Amino acid sequence: MAKRLGGEKRFTKANIEKAPDRPGIYVIKNEKGATQYVGMSQKLRTRLEQHLSQKDIPGADTFRTRPVRSTKQAENLEGRYIENYKPRYNILKNK
């Protein structure tokens, strides 16, 4: 069975500090539950802290993470999530 994203958490410093600091993807949603941004990182916690401090995703309310084994796996998964959810703040690259 495929692994799923972790439970949804409020986009706060306290919750981000509990996020894994390993490769994976993250999904940030607004207060209505709409996907705002999908990202990948070698260190999930570090990247989420950057988003929080920069306040670069307007309306960010909750987030979910999915740790994976490698950056390559995270890249592939990120692409699939972006295709499926078409987040407002992701820019799709031409293939």
C-alpha atoms as a PDB file:
ATOM      1  CA  MET A   1       0.000   0.000   0.000  1.00  0.00           C
ATOM      2  CA  ALA A   2       1.302   3.479  -0.875  1.00  0.00           C
ATOM      3  CA  LYS A   3       2.352   5.785   1.925  1.00  0.00           C
ATOM      4  CA  ARG A   4       0.291   8.903   2.422  1.00  0.00           C
ATOM      5  CA  LEU A   5       1.017  12.416   3.578  1.00  0.00           C
ATOM      6  CA  GLY A   6       1.289  12.920   7.322  1.00  0.00           C
ATOM      7  CA  GLY A   7      -1.577  14.423   9.266  1.00  0.00           C
ATOM      8  CA  GLU A   8      -2.518  18.007   8.590  1.00  0.00           C
ATOM      9  CA  LYS A   9      -1.029  20.489  11.057  1.00  0.00           C
ATOM     10  CA  ARG A  10      -1.429  24.229  11.598  1.00  0.00           C
ATOM     11  CA  PHE A  11       1.315  26.224   9.864  1.00  0.00           C
ATOM     12  CA  THR A  12       2.993  27.370  13.093  1.00  0.00           C
ATOM     13  CA  LYS A  13       6.570  27.417  14.344  1.00  0.00           C
ATOM     14  CA  ALA A  14       5.782  24.834  17.042  1.00  0.00           C
ATOM     15  CA  ASN A  15       4.358  22.356  14.515  1.00  0.00           C
ATOM     16  CA  ILE A  16       7.124  22.938  11.987  1.00  0.00           C
ATOM     17  CA  GLU A  17       9.718  22.164  14.659  1.00  0.00           C
ATOM     18  CA  LYS A  18       8.182  18.659  14.878  1.00  0.00           C
ATOM     19  CA  ALA A  19       8.453  18.048  11.112  1.00  0.00           C
ATOM     20  CA  PRO A  20      11.104  15.576   9.919  1.00  0.00           C
ATOM     21  CA  ASP A  21      14.414  17.038   8.756  1.00  0.00           C
ATOM     22  CA  ARG A  22      14.945  14.607   5.908  1.00  0.00           C
ATOM     23  CA  PRO A  23      14.068  14.485   2.186  1.00  0.00           C
ATOM     24  CA  GLY A  24      10.435  14.643   1.215  1.00  0.00           C
ATOM     25  CA  ILE A  25       7.545  16.715  -0.026  1.00  0.00           C
ATOM     26  CA  TYR A  26       5.194  19.098   1.720  1.00  0.00           C
ATOM     27  CA  VAL A  27       1.787  20.503   0.865  1.00  0.00           C
ATOM     28  CA  ILE A  28       0.634  23.876   2.176  1.00  0.00           C
ATOM     29  CA  LYS A  29      -3.093  24.647   2.212  1.00  0.00           C
ATOM     30  CA  ASN A  30      -5.172  27.732   2.943  1.00  0.00           C
ATOM     31  CA  GLU A  31      -7.928  28.030   5.557  1.00  0.00           C
ATOM     32  CA  LYS A  32     -10.487  26.618   3.102  1.00  0.00           C
ATOM     33  CA  GLY A  33      -8.366  23.502   2.490  1.00  0.00           C
ATOM     34  CA  ALA A  34      -7.288  24.467  -1.028  1.00  0.00           C
ATOM     35  CA  THR A  35      -3.738  23.473  -1.928  1.00  0.00           C
ATOM     36  CA  GLN A  36      -1.624  26.624  -2.205  1.00  0.00           C
ATOM     37  CA  TYR A  37       1.835  25.138  -2.739  1.00  0.00           C
ATOM     38  CA  VAL A  38       3.593  21.800  -3.153  1.00  0.00           C
ATOM     39  CA  GLY A  39       7.324  21.649  -2.555  1.00  0.00           C
ATOM     40  CA  MET A  40      10.164  19.239  -2.024  1.00  0.00           C
ATOM     41  CA  SER A  41      13.272  19.552   0.058  1.00  0.00           C
ATOM     42  CA  GLN A  42      16.314  17.659   1.262  1.00  0.00           C
ATOM     43  CA  LYS A  43      15.358  18.851   4.769  1.00  0.00           C
ATOM     44  CA  LEU A  44      11.620  19.316   5.216  1.00  0.00           C
ATOM     45  CA  ARG A  45      11.753  21.123   8.560  1.00  0.00           C
ATOM     46  CA  THR A  46      14.349  23.604   7.366  1.00  0.00           C
ATOM     47  CA  ARG A  47      12.397  24.450   4.216  1.00  0.00           C
ATOM     48  CA  LEU A  48       9.091  24.880   6.050  1.00  0.00           C
ATOM     49  CA  GLU A  49      10.816  27.213   8.544  1.00  0.00           C
ATOM     50  CA  GLN A  50      12.003  29.313   5.582  1.00  0.00           C
ATOM     51  CA  HIS A  51       8.466  29.586   4.193  1.00  0.00           C
ATOM     52  CA  LEU A  52       7.142  30.609   7.605  1.00  0.00           C
ATOM     53  CA  SER A  53       9.796  33.273   8.203  1.00  0.00           C
ATOM     54  CA  GLN A  54       9.546  34.695   4.664  1.00  0.00           C
ATOM     55  CA  LYS A  55       5.728  34.607   4.657  1.00  0.00           C
ATOM     56  CA  ASP A  56       5.974  33.849   0.937  1.00  0.00           C
ATOM     57  CA  ILE A  57       2.775  31.799   0.625  1.00  0.00           C
ATOM     58  CA  PRO A  58      -0.195  34.085   1.321  1.00  0.00           C
ATOM     59  CA  GLY A  59      -3.014  32.426   3.226  1.00  0.00           C
ATOM     60  CA  ALA A  60      -0.876  29.481   4.420  1.00  0.00           C
ATOM     61  CA  ASP A  61      -2.897  27.818   7.179  1.00  0.00           C
ATOM     62  CA  THR A  62      -1.963  24.124   7.361  1.00  0.00           C
ATOM     63  CA  PHE A  63       0.703  21.788   6.042  1.00  0.00           C
ATOM     64  CA  ARG A  64       1.337  18.092   5.540  1.00  0.00           C
ATOM     65  CA  THR A  65       4.605  16.280   4.912  1.00  0.00           C
ATOM     66  CA  ARG A  66       5.698  13.020   3.349  1.00  0.00           C
ATOM     67  CA  PRO A  67       9.277  11.969   4.052  1.00  0.00           C
ATOM     68  CA  VAL A  68      10.926   9.768   1.420  1.00  0.00           C
ATOM     69  CA  ARG A  69      14.288   8.027   1.048  1.00  0.00           C
ATOM     70  CA  SER A  70      15.937  10.244  -1.540  1.00  0.00           C
ATOM     71  CA  THR A  71      15.824  13.646  -3.172  1.00  0.00           C
ATOM     72  CA  LYS A  72      15.143  12.005  -6.551  1.00  0.00           C
ATOM     73  CA  GLN A  73      12.089  10.248  -5.116  1.00  0.00           C
ATOM     74  CA  ALA A  74      10.923  13.591  -3.656  1.00  0.00           C
ATOM     75  CA  GLU A  75      11.316  15.302  -7.056  1.00  0.00           C
ATOM     76  CA  ASN A  76       9.169  12.671  -8.779  1.00  0.00           C
ATOM     77  CA  LEU A  77       6.502  12.800  -6.098  1.00  0.00           C
ATOM     78  CA  GLU A  78       6.443  16.615  -6.122  1.00  0.00           C
ATOM     79  CA  GLY A  79       5.795  16.614  -9.877  1.00  0.00           C
ATOM     80  CA  ARG A  80       2.877  14.214  -9.520  1.00  0.00           C
ATOM     81  CA  TYR A  81       1.312  16.279  -6.725  1.00  0.00           C
ATOM     82  CA  ILE A  82       1.677  19.501  -8.721  1.00  0.00           C
ATOM     83  CA  GLU A  83       0.022  17.878 -11.745  1.00  0.00           C
ATOM     84  CA  ASN A  84      -2.849  16.539  -9.634  1.00  0.00           C
ATOM     85  CA  TYR A  85      -3.536  19.544  -7.401  1.00  0.00           C
ATOM     86  CA  LYS A  86      -2.408  22.469  -9.616  1.00  0.00           C
ATOM     87  CA  PRO A  87      -1.492  24.661  -6.624  1.00  0.00           C
ATOM     88  CA  ARG A  88      -1.902  28.403  -6.953  1.00  0.00           C
ATOM     89  CA  TYR A  89       1.713  29.303  -6.171  1.00  0.00           C
ATOM     90  CA  ASN A  90       3.544  26.597  -8.140  1.00  0.00           C
ATOM     91  CA  ILE A  91       4.861  27.371 -11.580  1.00  0.00           C
ATOM     92  CA  LEU A  92       4.757  24.446 -13.999  1.00  0.00           C
ATOM     93  CA  LYS A  93       7.757  24.077 -16.281  1.00  0.00           C
ATOM     94  CA  ASN A  94       7.282  23.153 -19.917  1.00  0.00           C
ATOM     95  CA  LYS A  95       8.383  19.608 -20.659  1.00  0.00           C
END
